[in-house]
Every structure is written in structure tokens, then in C-alpha cells.
PDB file of N, CA and C in Angstrom:
ATOM      1  N   MET A   1     127.609  94.692 119.793  1.00  0.00           N
ATOM      2  CA  MET A   1     126.408  94.279 120.412  1.00  0.00           C
ATOM      3  C   MET A   1     126.675  93.231 121.493  1.00  0.00           C
ATOM      4  N   ILE A   2     125.973  93.310 122.639  1.00  0.00           N
ATOM      5  CA  ILE A   2     126.244  92.229 123.535  1.00  0.00           C
ATOM      6  C   ILE A   2     125.005  91.293 123.546  1.00  0.00           C
ATOM      7  N   ARG A   3     125.242  90.052 123.522  1.00  0.00           N
ATOM      8  CA  ARG A   3     124.023  89.204 123.409  1.00  0.00           C
ATOM      9  C   ARG A   3     123.590  88.513 124.869  1.00  0.00           C
ATOM     10  N   ASN A   4     122.269  88.569 124.872  1.00  0.00           N
ATOM     11  CA  ASN A   4     121.725  87.691 125.809  1.00  0.00           C
ATOM     12  C   ASN A   4     121.026  86.552 125.073  1.00  0.00           C
ATOM     13  N   THR A   5     121.358  85.317 125.660  1.00  0.00           N
ATOM     14  CA  THR A   5     120.930  84.061 124.758  1.00  0.00           C
ATOM     15  C   THR A   5     119.808  83.495 125.506  1.00  0.00           C
ATOM     16  N   ARG A   6     118.794  82.842 124.612  1.00  0.00           N
ATOM     17  CA  ARG A   6     117.720  82.225 125.206  1.00  0.00           C
ATOM     18  C   ARG A   6     117.629  80.975 124.360  1.00  0.00           C
ATOM     19  N   ALA A   7     117.850  79.787 124.639  1.00  0.00           N
ATOM     20  CA  ALA A   7     117.741  78.459 123.935  1.00  0.00           C
ATOM     21  C   ALA A   7     116.357  78.272 123.605  1.00  0.00           C
ATOM     22  N   GLU A   8     116.182  77.314 122.592  1.00  0.00           N
ATOM     23  CA  GLU A   8     114.754  77.015 122.239  1.00  0.00           C
ATOM     24  C   GLU A   8     114.692  75.459 122.050  1.00  0.00           C
ATOM     25  N   GLY A   9     115.256  74.871 122.824  1.00  0.00           N
ATOM     26  CA  GLY A   9     115.143  73.456 122.900  1.00  0.00           C
ATOM     27  C   GLY A   9     116.308  72.762 122.205  1.00  0.00           C
ATOM     28  N   ALA A  10     116.396  71.353 122.340  1.00  0.00           N
ATOM     29  CA  ALA A  10     117.788  70.904 121.774  1.00  0.00           C
ATOM     30  C   ALA A  10     117.943  70.898 120.255  1.00  0.00           C
ATOM     31  N   SER A  11     116.972  70.941 119.471  1.00  0.00           N
ATOM     32  CA  SER A  11     117.091  71.129 118.006  1.00  0.00           C
ATOM     33  C   SER A  11     116.929  72.448 117.446  1.00  0.00           C
ATOM     34  N   GLY A  12     116.268  73.389 118.320  1.00  0.00           N
ATOM     35  CA  GLY A  12     115.938  74.766 117.766  1.00  0.00           C
ATOM     36  C   GLY A  12     117.111  75.706 118.080  1.00  0.00           C
ATOM     37  N   PRO A  13     116.911  76.832 117.260  1.00  0.00           N
ATOM     38  CA  PRO A  13     118.132  77.674 117.527  1.00  0.00           C
ATOM     39  C   PRO A  13     118.130  78.517 118.544  1.00  0.00           C
ATOM     40  N   ALA A  14     119.326  78.871 118.942  1.00  0.00           N
ATOM     41  CA  ALA A  14     119.471  79.825 120.142  1.00  0.00           C
ATOM     42  C   ALA A  14     119.305  81.299 119.687  1.00  0.00           C
ATOM     43  N   TRP A  15     118.241  81.829 120.369  1.00  0.00           N
ATOM     44  CA  TRP A  15     117.766  83.110 120.041  1.00  0.00           C
ATOM     45  C   TRP A  15     118.620  84.123 120.939  1.00  0.00           C
ATOM     46  N   PHE A  16     118.939  85.481 120.523  1.00  0.00           N
ATOM     47  CA  PHE A  16     119.299  86.462 121.459  1.00  0.00           C
ATOM     48  C   PHE A  16     118.816  87.807 120.899  1.00  0.00           C
ATOM     49  N   LYS A  17     119.068  88.566 121.824  1.00  0.00           N
ATOM     50  CA  LYS A  17     118.639  90.049 121.630  1.00  0.00           C
ATOM     51  C   LYS A  17     119.765  90.950 122.120  1.00  0.00           C
ATOM     52  N   SER A  18     119.980  91.811 121.563  1.00  0.00           N
ATOM     53  CA  SER A  18     121.080  92.885 122.071  1.00  0.00           C
ATOM     54  C   SER A  18     120.774  93.559 123.258  1.00  0.00           C
ATOM     55  N   SER A  19     121.852  93.487 124.231  1.00  0.00           N
ATOM     56  CA  SER A  19     121.616  94.048 125.559  1.00  0.00           C
ATOM     57  C   SER A  19     121.354  95.723 125.279  1.00  0.00           C
ATOM     58  N   TYR A  20     121.445  96.256 124.268  1.00  0.00           N
ATOM     59  CA  TYR A  20     121.100  97.586 123.907  1.00  0.00           C
ATOM     60  C   TYR A  20     119.524  97.750 123.908  1.00  0.00           C
ATOM     61  N   SER A  21     118.738  96.718 124.020  1.00  0.00           N
ATOM     62  CA  SER A  21     117.216  96.857 123.918  1.00  0.00           C
ATOM     63  C   SER A  21     116.697  97.605 125.090  1.00  0.00           C
ATOM     64  N   ASP A  22     115.669  98.105 124.964  1.00  0.00           N
ATOM     65  CA  ASP A  22     114.927  99.012 125.970  1.00  0.00           C
ATOM     66  C   ASP A  22     114.844  98.191 127.198  1.00  0.00           C
ATOM     67  N   SER A  23     115.517  98.327 128.215  1.00  0.00           N
ATOM     68  CA  SER A  23     115.540  97.592 129.436  1.00  0.00           C
ATOM     69  C   SER A  23     114.134  97.815 130.265  1.00  0.00           C
ATOM     70  N   SER A  24     113.519  99.221 130.002  1.00  0.00           N
ATOM     71  CA  SER A  24     112.202  99.494 130.645  1.00  0.00           C
ATOM     72  C   SER A  24     111.170  98.542 130.142  1.00  0.00           C
ATOM     73  N   ASN A  25     111.151  98.004 129.012  1.00  0.00           N
ATOM     74  CA  ASN A  25     110.248  97.272 128.361  1.00  0.00           C
ATOM     75  C   ASN A  25     110.855  96.065 127.696  1.00  0.00           C
ATOM     76  N   SER A  26     111.269  95.044 128.205  1.00  0.00           N
ATOM     77  CA  SER A  26     112.179  94.130 127.562  1.00  0.00           C
ATOM     78  C   SER A  26     111.301  93.243 126.500  1.00  0.00           C
ATOM     79  N   ASN A  27     109.846  93.448 126.413  1.00  0.00           N
ATOM     80  CA  ASN A  27     109.132  92.591 125.565  1.00  0.00           C
ATOM     81  C   ASN A  27     109.167  93.346 124.150  1.00  0.00           C
ATOM     82  N   GLU A  28     109.469  94.547 123.948  1.00  0.00           N
ATOM     83  CA  GLU A  28     109.526  95.270 122.811  1.00  0.00           C
ATOM     84  C   GLU A  28     111.008  95.108 122.134  1.00  0.00           C
ATOM     85  N   CYS A  29     111.142  93.899 121.557  1.00  0.00           N
ATOM     86  CA  CYS A  29     112.415  93.861 121.002  1.00  0.00           C
ATOM     87  C   CYS A  29     112.423  92.459 119.915  1.00  0.00           C
ATOM     88  N   LEU A  30     113.468  92.594 119.039  1.00  0.00           N
ATOM     89  CA  LEU A  30     113.434  91.706 118.008  1.00  0.00           C
ATOM     90  C   LEU A  30     114.557  90.576 118.584  1.00  0.00           C
ATOM     91  N   GLU A  31     114.242  89.414 118.354  1.00  0.00           N
ATOM     92  CA  GLU A  31     115.205  88.277 118.430  1.00  0.00           C
ATOM     93  C   GLU A  31     115.949  87.853 117.262  1.00  0.00           C
ATOM     94  N   VAL A  32     117.200  87.294 117.327  1.00  0.00           N
ATOM     95  CA  VAL A  32     117.768  86.910 116.284  1.00  0.00           C
ATOM     96  C   VAL A  32     118.379  85.528 116.615  1.00  0.00           C
ATOM     97  N   ALA A  33     118.588  84.576 115.638  1.00  0.00           N
ATOM     98  CA  ALA A  33     119.089  83.440 115.741  1.00  0.00           C
ATOM     99  C   ALA A  33     119.970  83.195 114.337  1.00  0.00           C
ATOM    100  N   ILE A  34     121.204  82.596 114.521  1.00  0.00           N
ATOM    101  CA  ILE A  34     122.127  82.407 113.467  1.00  0.00           C
ATOM    102  C   ILE A  34     122.108  81.017 113.237  1.00  0.00           C
ATOM    103  N   ALA A  35     121.761  80.497 111.869  1.00  0.00           N
ATOM    104  CA  ALA A  35     121.596  79.306 111.391  1.00  0.00           C
ATOM    105  C   ALA A  35     122.519  79.200 110.342  1.00  0.00           C
ATOM    106  N   PRO A  36     122.927  77.920 109.907  1.00  0.00           N
ATOM    107  CA  PRO A  36     123.670  77.943 108.644  1.00  0.00           C
ATOM    108  C   PRO A  36     123.080  78.394 107.353  1.00  0.00           C
ATOM    109  N   GLY A  37     123.857  79.503 106.848  1.00  0.00           N
ATOM    110  CA  GLY A  37     123.256  80.336 105.638  1.00  0.00           C
ATOM    111  C   GLY A  37     122.099  81.157 105.762  1.00  0.00           C
ATOM    112  N   VAL A  38     121.470  81.334 107.089  1.00  0.00           N
ATOM    113  CA  VAL A  38     120.413  82.186 107.131  1.00  0.00           C
ATOM    114  C   VAL A  38     120.407  82.807 108.513  1.00  0.00           C
ATOM    115  N   VAL A  39     119.782  83.992 108.469  1.00  0.00           N
ATOM    116  CA  VAL A  39     119.731  84.696 110.106  1.00  0.00           C
ATOM    117  C   VAL A  39     118.259  84.823 110.201  1.00  0.00           C
ATOM    118  N   ARG A  40     117.769  84.181 111.301  1.00  0.00           N
ATOM    119  CA  ARG A  40     116.181  84.194 111.463  1.00  0.00           C
ATOM    120  C   ARG A  40     116.004  85.606 112.647  1.00  0.00           C
ATOM    121  N   VAL A  41     114.883  86.143 112.082  1.00  0.00           N
ATOM    122  CA  VAL A  41     114.489  87.214 112.996  1.00  0.00           C
ATOM    123  C   VAL A  41     112.983  87.244 113.421  1.00  0.00           C
ATOM    124  N   ARG A  42     112.836  87.433 114.614  1.00  0.00           N
ATOM    125  CA  ARG A  42     111.124  87.205 115.136  1.00  0.00           C
ATOM    126  C   ARG A  42     110.971  88.160 116.340  1.00  0.00           C
ATOM    127  N   ASP A  43     109.731  88.416 116.478  1.00  0.00           N
ATOM    128  CA  ASP A  43     109.347  89.302 117.456  1.00  0.00           C
ATOM    129  C   ASP A  43     109.354  88.614 118.699  1.00  0.00           C
ATOM    130  N   SER A  44     110.080  89.282 119.811  1.00  0.00           N
ATOM    131  CA  SER A  44     110.227  88.631 121.052  1.00  0.00           C
ATOM    132  C   SER A  44     108.914  88.510 121.831  1.00  0.00           C
ATOM    133  N   LYS A  45     107.875  89.207 121.519  1.00  0.00           N
ATOM    134  CA  LYS A  45     106.550  89.005 122.303  1.00  0.00           C
ATOM    135  C   LYS A  45     105.677  87.961 121.660  1.00  0.00           C
ATOM    136  N   ASN A  46     106.110  87.273 120.475  1.00  0.00           N
ATOM    137  CA  ASN A  46     105.494  86.262 119.804  1.00  0.00           C
ATOM    138  C   ASN A  46     106.420  85.124 119.376  1.00  0.00           C
ATOM    139  N   ALA A  47     107.077  84.538 120.279  1.00  0.00           N
ATOM    140  CA  ALA A  47     108.120  83.586 119.992  1.00  0.00           C
ATOM    141  C   ALA A  47     107.534  82.337 119.089  1.00  0.00           C
ATOM    142  N   ASP A  48     106.376  82.001 118.977  1.00  0.00           N
ATOM    143  CA  ASP A  48     105.807  81.010 118.318  1.00  0.00           C
ATOM    144  C   ASP A  48     105.403  81.522 116.818  1.00  0.00           C
ATOM    145  N   GLY A  49     105.480  82.763 116.770  1.00  0.00           N
ATOM    146  CA  GLY A  49     104.839  83.476 115.560  1.00  0.00           C
ATOM    147  C   GLY A  49     105.792  83.511 114.489  1.00  0.00           C
ATOM    148  N   PRO A  50     105.431  84.041 113.264  1.00  0.00           N
ATOM    149  CA  PRO A  50     106.281  84.182 112.007  1.00  0.00           C
ATOM    150  C   PRO A  50     107.717  84.444 112.420  1.00  0.00           C
ATOM    151  N   GLN A  51     108.521  84.073 111.418  1.00  0.00           N
ATOM    152  CA  GLN A  51     109.922  84.505 111.571  1.00  0.00           C
ATOM    153  C   GLN A  51     110.302  84.874 110.172  1.00  0.00           C
ATOM    154  N   LEU A  52     111.296  85.814 110.109  1.00  0.00           N
ATOM    155  CA  LEU A  52     111.870  86.170 108.911  1.00  0.00           C
ATOM    156  C   LEU A  52     113.263  85.907 108.634  1.00  0.00           C
ATOM    157  N   GLY A  53     113.638  85.028 107.434  1.00  0.00           N
ATOM    158  CA  GLY A  53     114.759  84.596 107.343  1.00  0.00           C
ATOM    159  C   GLY A  53     115.571  85.196 106.271  1.00  0.00           C
ATOM    160  N   VAL A  54     116.737  85.608 106.460  1.00  0.00           N
ATOM    161  CA  VAL A  54     117.436  86.580 105.480  1.00  0.00           C
ATOM    162  C   VAL A  54     118.938  85.976 105.308  1.00  0.00           C
ATOM    163  N   ALA A  55     119.453  85.995 104.172  1.00  0.00           N
ATOM    164  CA  ALA A  55     121.100  85.601 103.893  1.00  0.00           C
ATOM    165  C   ALA A  55     121.959  86.284 104.825  1.00  0.00           C
ATOM    166  N   ARG A  56     122.783  85.638 105.343  1.00  0.00           N
ATOM    167  CA  ARG A  56     123.592  86.139 106.132  1.00  0.00           C
ATOM    168  C   ARG A  56     124.354  87.358 105.830  1.00  0.00           C
ATOM    169  N   GLU A  57     124.834  87.483 104.416  1.00  0.00           N
ATOM    170  CA  GLU A  57     125.368  88.618 103.874  1.00  0.00           C
ATOM    171  C   GLU A  57     124.299  89.749 103.700  1.00  0.00           C
ATOM    172  N   ALA A  58     123.142  89.449 103.685  1.00  0.00           N
ATOM    173  CA  ALA A  58     121.994  90.861 103.783  1.00  0.00           C
ATOM    174  C   ALA A  58     121.847  91.210 105.178  1.00  0.00           C
ATOM    175  N   TRP A  59     122.043  90.173 106.126  1.00  0.00           N
ATOM    176  CA  TRP A  59     121.910  90.534 107.594  1.00  0.00           C
ATOM    177  C   TRP A  59     123.096  91.501 107.730  1.00  0.00           C
ATOM    178  N   ALA A  60     124.261  91.197 107.401  1.00  0.00           N
ATOM    179  CA  ALA A  60     125.511  91.935 107.653  1.00  0.00           C
ATOM    180  C   ALA A  60     125.375  93.488 107.118  1.00  0.00           C
ATOM    181  N   GLY A  61     124.789  93.322 105.899  1.00  0.00           N
ATOM    182  CA  GLY A  61     124.674  94.697 105.426  1.00  0.00           C
ATOM    183  C   GLY A  61     123.793  95.653 106.122  1.00  0.00           C
ATOM    184  N   PHE A  62     122.641  94.947 106.599  1.00  0.00           N
ATOM    185  CA  PHE A  62     121.533  95.702 107.286  1.00  0.00           C
ATOM    186  C   PHE A  62     122.097  96.179 108.620  1.00  0.00           C
ATOM    187  N   VAL A  63     122.898  95.356 109.331  1.00  0.00           N
ATOM    188  CA  VAL A  63     123.497  95.758 110.570  1.00  0.00           C
ATOM    189  C   VAL A  63     124.339  96.819 110.123  1.00  0.00           C
ATOM    190  N   ALA A  64     125.261  96.840 109.314  1.00  0.00           N
ATOM    191  CA  ALA A  64     126.330  97.874 108.965  1.00  0.00           C
ATOM    192  C   ALA A  64     125.348  99.098 108.751  1.00  0.00           C
ATOM    193  N   TYR A  65     124.333  99.193 108.032  1.00  0.00           N
ATOM    194  CA  TYR A  65     123.674 100.271 107.724  1.00  0.00           C
ATOM    195  C   TYR A  65     122.997 100.779 108.790  1.00  0.00           C
ATOM    196  N   ALA A  66     122.350  99.819 109.727  1.00  0.00           N
ATOM    197  CA  ALA A  66     121.718 100.338 110.942  1.00  0.00           C
ATOM    198  C   ALA A  66     122.495 101.153 111.969  1.00  0.00           C
ATOM    199  N   ALA A  67     123.971 100.571 111.992  1.00  0.00           N
ATOM    200  CA  ALA A  67     124.885 101.051 112.940  1.00  0.00           C
ATOM    201  C   ALA A  67     125.430 102.493 112.218  1.00  0.00           C
ATOM    202  N   GLY A  68     125.107 102.760 111.084  1.00  0.00           N
ATOM    203  CA  GLY A  68     125.560 104.345 110.522  1.00  0.00           C
ATOM    204  C   GLY A  68     126.897 103.962 109.786  1.00  0.00           C
ATOM    205  N   GLY A  69     127.173 102.742 109.392  1.00  0.00           N
ATOM    206  CA  GLY A  69     128.661 102.505 108.796  1.00  0.00           C
ATOM    207  C   GLY A  69     128.429 101.872 107.753  1.00  0.00           C
TER     208      GLY A  69
END
């Protein structure tokens, strides 16, 4: 995965989305931020909206599953 970063201010997490996202409609993507002990996920169209937080181990398992491995 290639990351495109977008910072959220001095104290907020750095959000990124994969460069594999649909380039024809860049607003339809999830963004991810890695924080100590948790991975945050949000809708790129609603940056101020709700976020999902999952344990890093759970995120790693999800990514491996999604990648087919």
C-alpha cells in the first residue's frame, strides 16, 4: 500500500488513504490514522464525523484478510 498523507493539525493524527483508491472519485475512500495502541478509520467525505477505532492486531488481521492472505 502506498500512502498519501494528510495531517490533522499539530495534536491530531496524520490520516492517509491508499494510492489504490479510486482516482476517478477520490472522495469515496476510507482514511486511516495509526495511533498508539489503536488504528482509527473514518470516511474521507466526513472528516469531522464518527471514527472507528480498532486494536492494531485486529487491523493487521483485517488487512491480511482483505488482501487475500
